[in-house]
N, C-alpha and C. Protein backbone atom coordinates (compact mmCIF):
# COMPACT_ATOMS: atom_id res chain seq x y z
N MET A 1 -135.89 82.69 29.83
CA MET A 1 -134.88 81.82 30.39
C MET A 1 -133.71 81.63 29.43
N PHE A 2 -133.97 81.71 28.12
CA PHE A 2 -132.92 81.36 27.16
C PHE A 2 -132.16 82.55 26.61
N GLY A 3 -132.56 83.76 26.93
CA GLY A 3 -131.82 84.93 26.50
C GLY A 3 -131.63 85.01 25.00
N ASP A 4 -130.39 84.98 24.56
CA ASP A 4 -130.07 85.11 23.14
C ASP A 4 -130.16 83.79 22.38
N LEU A 5 -130.43 82.68 23.07
CA LEU A 5 -130.45 81.39 22.39
C LEU A 5 -131.64 81.24 21.43
N ILE A 6 -132.80 81.75 21.81
CA ILE A 6 -133.98 81.57 20.96
C ILE A 6 -133.81 82.30 19.62
N PRO A 7 -133.39 83.58 19.60
CA PRO A 7 -133.17 84.21 18.28
C PRO A 7 -132.09 83.50 17.46
N ALA A 8 -131.02 83.06 18.11
CA ALA A 8 -129.97 82.35 17.38
C ALA A 8 -130.50 81.03 16.82
N HIS A 9 -131.28 80.31 17.62
CA HIS A 9 -131.87 79.05 17.20
C HIS A 9 -132.82 79.28 16.02
N ALA A 10 -133.56 80.38 16.06
CA ALA A 10 -134.52 80.69 14.99
C ALA A 10 -133.81 81.04 13.69
N THR A 11 -132.65 81.68 13.76
CA THR A 11 -131.94 82.06 12.53
C THR A 11 -131.43 80.84 11.78
N PHE A 12 -131.33 79.70 12.45
CA PHE A 12 -130.93 78.47 11.77
C PHE A 12 -132.13 77.70 11.21
N GLY A 13 -133.30 78.32 11.24
CA GLY A 13 -134.47 77.72 10.63
C GLY A 13 -135.36 76.96 11.59
N TYR A 14 -135.13 77.06 12.90
CA TYR A 14 -135.94 76.34 13.88
C TYR A 14 -136.95 77.25 14.55
N GLY A 15 -137.48 78.16 13.82
CA GLY A 15 -138.47 79.09 14.33
C GLY A 15 -138.79 80.09 13.24
N GLU A 16 -139.67 80.98 13.54
CA GLU A 16 -140.07 81.99 12.56
C GLU A 16 -139.65 83.36 13.07
N ILE A 17 -138.85 84.05 12.29
CA ILE A 17 -138.45 85.40 12.63
C ILE A 17 -139.49 86.32 12.00
N THR A 18 -140.25 87.00 12.85
CA THR A 18 -141.36 87.80 12.36
C THR A 18 -140.96 89.23 12.04
N GLU A 19 -139.85 89.68 12.59
CA GLU A 19 -139.41 91.05 12.35
C GLU A 19 -137.90 91.13 12.53
N TRP A 20 -137.24 91.93 11.67
CA TRP A 20 -135.78 92.08 11.71
C TRP A 20 -135.39 93.49 12.12
N ASN A 21 -134.25 93.61 12.80
CA ASN A 21 -133.66 94.92 13.09
C ASN A 21 -132.91 95.41 11.85
N PRO A 22 -132.60 96.71 11.77
CA PRO A 22 -131.84 97.21 10.63
C PRO A 22 -130.46 96.55 10.46
N ASP A 23 -129.87 96.08 11.56
CA ASP A 23 -128.54 95.45 11.48
C ASP A 23 -128.62 93.95 11.18
N LYS A 24 -129.77 93.50 10.68
CA LYS A 24 -129.99 92.10 10.26
C LYS A 24 -130.01 91.10 11.41
N THR A 25 -130.32 91.55 12.61
CA THR A 25 -130.50 90.65 13.75
C THR A 25 -132.00 90.50 14.00
N PRO A 26 -132.43 89.35 14.52
CA PRO A 26 -133.87 89.15 14.75
C PRO A 26 -134.41 90.11 15.81
N LYS A 27 -135.52 90.74 15.52
CA LYS A 27 -136.17 91.64 16.48
C LYS A 27 -137.30 90.92 17.20
N SER A 28 -138.08 90.16 16.46
CA SER A 28 -139.21 89.43 17.02
C SER A 28 -139.17 88.00 16.49
N VAL A 29 -139.25 87.05 17.41
CA VAL A 29 -139.10 85.64 17.04
C VAL A 29 -140.26 84.83 17.59
N LYS A 30 -140.79 83.96 16.75
CA LYS A 30 -141.78 82.98 17.19
C LYS A 30 -141.08 81.62 17.09
N ALA A 31 -140.72 81.06 18.23
CA ALA A 31 -139.88 79.86 18.23
C ALA A 31 -140.53 78.73 19.02
N ASP A 32 -140.11 77.54 18.71
CA ASP A 32 -140.55 76.34 19.41
C ASP A 32 -139.55 76.07 20.54
N GLU A 33 -139.91 76.45 21.77
CA GLU A 33 -139.00 76.26 22.90
C GLU A 33 -138.74 74.78 23.17
N GLY A 34 -139.69 73.93 22.87
CA GLY A 34 -139.48 72.49 23.05
C GLY A 34 -138.37 71.98 22.17
N ALA A 35 -138.30 72.47 20.93
CA ALA A 35 -137.23 72.06 20.02
C ALA A 35 -135.88 72.54 20.53
N LEU A 36 -135.86 73.75 21.09
CA LEU A 36 -134.61 74.27 21.65
C LEU A 36 -134.17 73.42 22.85
N LEU A 37 -135.10 73.05 23.70
CA LEU A 37 -134.75 72.21 24.85
C LEU A 37 -134.22 70.85 24.41
N ARG A 38 -134.84 70.26 23.38
CA ARG A 38 -134.36 68.98 22.88
C ARG A 38 -132.95 69.12 22.29
N CYS A 39 -132.72 70.21 21.61
CA CYS A 39 -131.39 70.47 21.04
C CYS A 39 -130.35 70.61 22.15
N LEU A 40 -130.66 71.38 23.18
CA LEU A 40 -129.73 71.56 24.30
C LEU A 40 -129.48 70.25 25.03
N ASP A 41 -130.53 69.45 25.22
CA ASP A 41 -130.36 68.14 25.86
C ASP A 41 -129.42 67.25 25.04
N SER A 42 -129.57 67.29 23.73
CA SER A 42 -128.70 66.48 22.86
C SER A 42 -127.26 66.95 22.94
N LEU A 43 -127.06 68.27 22.95
CA LEU A 43 -125.70 68.80 23.05
C LEU A 43 -125.07 68.45 24.39
N GLN A 44 -125.87 68.46 25.46
CA GLN A 44 -125.36 68.05 26.77
C GLN A 44 -125.03 66.56 26.79
N ALA A 45 -125.88 65.74 26.20
CA ALA A 45 -125.65 64.30 26.18
C ALA A 45 -124.37 63.97 25.42
N ALA A 46 -124.07 64.73 24.39
CA ALA A 46 -122.84 64.52 23.62
C ALA A 46 -121.65 65.20 24.27
N GLN A 47 -121.87 65.86 25.40
CA GLN A 47 -120.84 66.57 26.16
C GLN A 47 -120.18 67.69 25.34
N LEU A 48 -120.99 68.33 24.49
CA LEU A 48 -120.49 69.47 23.72
C LEU A 48 -120.73 70.79 24.45
N VAL A 49 -121.78 70.83 25.28
CA VAL A 49 -122.05 71.98 26.15
C VAL A 49 -122.32 71.46 27.55
N ARG A 50 -122.22 72.36 28.51
CA ARG A 50 -122.47 72.00 29.91
C ARG A 50 -123.33 73.09 30.54
N LEU A 51 -124.31 72.69 31.32
CA LEU A 51 -125.13 73.64 32.06
C LEU A 51 -124.38 73.97 33.34
N ARG A 52 -124.17 75.25 33.58
CA ARG A 52 -123.42 75.70 34.75
C ARG A 52 -124.31 76.54 35.65
N TYR A 53 -123.99 76.54 36.92
CA TYR A 53 -124.69 77.35 37.91
C TYR A 53 -123.64 78.21 38.62
N ASP A 54 -123.85 79.51 38.62
CA ASP A 54 -122.94 80.43 39.26
C ASP A 54 -123.72 81.51 39.98
N LEU A 55 -123.00 82.29 40.76
CA LEU A 55 -123.62 83.46 41.36
C LEU A 55 -124.07 84.40 40.25
N ARG A 56 -125.14 85.10 40.49
CA ARG A 56 -125.71 85.97 39.47
C ARG A 56 -124.66 86.93 38.92
N ASN A 57 -123.97 87.63 39.77
CA ASN A 57 -122.90 88.52 39.36
C ASN A 57 -121.96 88.64 40.55
N PRO A 58 -120.81 88.00 40.52
CA PRO A 58 -119.92 88.02 41.68
C PRO A 58 -119.46 89.42 42.08
N LEU A 59 -119.46 90.37 41.17
CA LEU A 59 -119.00 91.71 41.49
C LEU A 59 -120.09 92.56 42.13
N GLU A 60 -121.34 92.13 42.00
CA GLU A 60 -122.46 92.87 42.57
C GLU A 60 -122.65 92.47 44.03
N PRO A 61 -122.92 93.42 44.90
CA PRO A 61 -123.16 93.05 46.30
C PRO A 61 -124.36 92.12 46.42
N LEU A 62 -124.29 91.20 47.36
CA LEU A 62 -125.38 90.23 47.53
C LEU A 62 -126.60 90.85 48.18
N ILE A 63 -126.42 91.94 48.91
CA ILE A 63 -127.56 92.57 49.58
C ILE A 63 -128.06 93.70 48.67
N THR A 64 -129.09 93.40 47.91
CA THR A 64 -129.73 94.38 47.03
C THR A 64 -131.21 94.39 47.37
N PRO A 65 -131.95 95.36 46.89
CA PRO A 65 -133.38 95.41 47.25
C PRO A 65 -134.16 94.15 46.90
N GLU A 66 -133.82 93.50 45.78
CA GLU A 66 -134.61 92.32 45.40
C GLU A 66 -134.11 91.03 46.04
N ILE A 67 -132.96 91.07 46.70
CA ILE A 67 -132.41 89.87 47.33
C ILE A 67 -132.32 90.11 48.84
N GLN A 68 -132.82 89.17 49.60
CA GLN A 68 -132.76 89.30 51.04
C GLN A 68 -131.32 89.08 51.53
N PRO A 69 -130.95 89.70 52.64
CA PRO A 69 -129.61 89.46 53.18
C PRO A 69 -129.39 87.98 53.47
N TYR A 70 -128.17 87.55 53.30
CA TYR A 70 -127.73 86.17 53.55
C TYR A 70 -128.29 85.16 52.56
N SER A 71 -128.86 85.63 51.48
CA SER A 71 -129.30 84.70 50.45
C SER A 71 -128.37 84.83 49.25
N VAL A 72 -128.31 83.79 48.46
CA VAL A 72 -127.44 83.78 47.29
C VAL A 72 -128.30 83.66 46.06
N ALA A 73 -128.04 84.51 45.08
CA ALA A 73 -128.79 84.47 43.82
C ALA A 73 -127.98 83.68 42.80
N TRP A 74 -128.49 82.54 42.40
CA TRP A 74 -127.80 81.71 41.42
C TRP A 74 -128.41 81.90 40.04
N THR A 75 -127.60 81.77 39.04
CA THR A 75 -128.07 81.83 37.67
C THR A 75 -127.53 80.61 36.93
N GLN A 76 -128.20 80.24 35.88
CA GLN A 76 -127.73 79.11 35.09
C GLN A 76 -127.45 79.55 33.67
N TYR A 77 -126.44 78.96 33.06
CA TYR A 77 -126.10 79.28 31.68
C TYR A 77 -125.39 78.09 31.07
N TYR A 78 -125.34 78.06 29.75
CA TYR A 78 -124.66 77.00 29.03
C TYR A 78 -123.29 77.49 28.60
N SER A 79 -122.30 76.62 28.70
CA SER A 79 -120.97 76.96 28.19
C SER A 79 -120.46 75.79 27.36
N MET A 80 -119.61 76.12 26.42
CA MET A 80 -119.04 75.10 25.54
C MET A 80 -117.93 74.36 26.29
N THR A 81 -117.90 73.06 26.14
CA THR A 81 -116.84 72.27 26.74
C THR A 81 -115.64 72.23 25.78
N ALA A 82 -114.53 71.69 26.27
CA ALA A 82 -113.36 71.52 25.40
C ALA A 82 -113.71 70.61 24.22
N ARG A 83 -114.49 69.60 24.50
CA ARG A 83 -114.92 68.70 23.43
C ARG A 83 -115.77 69.44 22.40
N GLY A 84 -116.65 70.32 22.86
CA GLY A 84 -117.47 71.12 21.96
C GLY A 84 -116.63 72.06 21.12
N TYR A 85 -115.61 72.66 21.73
CA TYR A 85 -114.72 73.55 20.98
C TYR A 85 -113.99 72.78 19.88
N LEU A 86 -113.49 71.60 20.22
CA LEU A 86 -112.79 70.79 19.22
C LEU A 86 -113.74 70.37 18.10
N PHE A 87 -114.98 70.07 18.44
CA PHE A 87 -115.97 69.70 17.43
C PHE A 87 -116.23 70.86 16.48
N VAL A 88 -116.41 72.06 17.03
CA VAL A 88 -116.69 73.23 16.19
C VAL A 88 -115.50 73.55 15.30
N THR A 89 -114.29 73.50 15.83
CA THR A 89 -113.12 73.82 15.01
C THR A 89 -112.88 72.76 13.96
N ALA A 90 -113.18 71.51 14.26
CA ALA A 90 -112.98 70.44 13.28
C ALA A 90 -114.03 70.51 12.16
N CYS A 91 -115.22 70.98 12.46
CA CYS A 91 -116.29 71.03 11.47
C CYS A 91 -116.38 72.35 10.73
N ARG A 92 -115.55 73.30 11.10
CA ARG A 92 -115.57 74.60 10.44
C ARG A 92 -115.02 74.48 9.03
N ALA A 93 -115.64 75.19 8.11
CA ALA A 93 -115.17 75.15 6.71
C ALA A 93 -113.75 75.71 6.61
N PRO A 94 -112.94 75.16 5.73
CA PRO A 94 -111.57 75.66 5.61
C PRO A 94 -111.55 77.11 5.13
N GLN A 95 -110.63 77.88 5.68
CA GLN A 95 -110.49 79.29 5.33
C GLN A 95 -109.44 79.42 4.22
N PRO A 96 -109.62 80.34 3.29
CA PRO A 96 -108.63 80.53 2.23
C PRO A 96 -107.31 81.03 2.80
N LYS A 97 -106.22 80.52 2.27
CA LYS A 97 -104.89 80.98 2.71
C LYS A 97 -104.56 82.29 2.04
N SER A 98 -103.98 83.22 2.82
CA SER A 98 -103.66 84.51 2.21
C SER A 98 -102.21 84.60 1.83
């Protein structure tokens, strides 16, 4: 359900990365999904992220073998709000001037 969120969450120390890819990305992760859910709930409560529901892929035809005709396939994902963007930019470490 969380896609890339669990490996990202684990790289911040909230899980155990059991195996790494050659490009230094997590290959196998043992994570606490409950901790991730609590983190996402907190971010939503602070209005830094928002849970969105959209069509699975608007460019893909709705009538596919796995979807019955006249049905809509919805997907959910998290997106950063304007408030979340301002929070991240305000908390980012200063960059050296060139």
